[in-house]
Structures are given as C-alpha cells and as structure tokens.
Amino acid sequence: MSSTAGEAGLKVGARDERLNYEWHEKELFLFKINPSRKKAFYGLAVGMFVFGWLIFSKEPIRWGKAYEARVEIEELTPQMAQLAALGKPHAVLWMIRNDEATRDAFLNGDHAKLKAMAEAGDAESMYLWGVQYLVQKKPQEAREWIAKAAAEGFLPAVKYLRRGK
C-alpha cells in the first residue's frame, strides 16, 4: 500500500506541477502551454489567423458563384451599355440591375428610358413602370401598367394581379 500511496503522491504532485501555470515576470507568454497539447494549440492559432484573414481581408475571396457572376457582369457591361444606348429594352433593364451608375441614376429619378420602353410596349418595362407607380403610392396608375404587362403575358404581372392587390 505504501508503494501505491507513493505513486499516488507522485501522480498528484505531477498533476499539480502541470496545472501550476502561474504568471512569472520572466515568462515570454502570459500563459504556459501544456507540452502535450502544443501542436493542437498552434494548429488552433493558425486556423484562427487564416479564418480572420478570410473574413476581414480587403481582397474578395476568389471562388464561388458570386465571384463568377461579378466577373461576368464586368465583362458584359460595355456591350450591354452599347445596346442600352441603342434603346434595347432588355439591355436597359440589365444595366439598371447590374450597373451601379445606371442604377443610381434610375433611383435618383431618371426614369425616361424605362417610361419610353413601357410606352413602346415592352412587357417587363410596363411591369416595372407600374411598380414605380406603386413606390410613388399611385395604385390606380400602377394597376393599369401592371395589367398591360399581364396582357402581354409577363408572368410576374400575372401573378401580381392574381393575388388581387
């Protein structure tokens, strides 16, 4: 029994020594790392660094569908701008959706192109012109334009009218 008690005393003493992580002024770090867990600690530290870099870096992460879509938009913008300048309805709508300058101009009240396309009979433009009237809180005009778009077979307009709003 004395040998067991002696071994137990050693185990307790060794355990106490491992858990004795007191601050000493001469220590390099604020805490001691358990030698048997150094690899795990450094792995965690590196993982946290990489995660922080991915989240907070100013460079975009260059993978995934969002990046591919942004690259595609950048490549298509010059050609779509030319088509929009020629008055092609889908090109104008594409520019409003995807080009920041065109979208800002539209949001600041430059609706001339959209109105011209709606009056020319483009169904999507009619629907968007109706939605613009909804934003301006003019439900009668909005319903007229959305009904015109629905008559042309534009699905979102048909769904809107079906909901009965």
Foldseek 3Di string as FASTA:
>chain_A
DVVVVVVVVVVVVVVVVQPPFDDDPPDPDRTDDRVVCPVVVVVVVVVVVVVCCQVPPPDDDCDDDVNVVLVVLVVCVVVLVVVVVVLDVVSLVCCCVRPPVSVVCVVVPPCVSLVVVLVVQDLVSLQVVLVVVVVVVNNVSSLVSLVSSVVVPDVVSVVVVVVPD
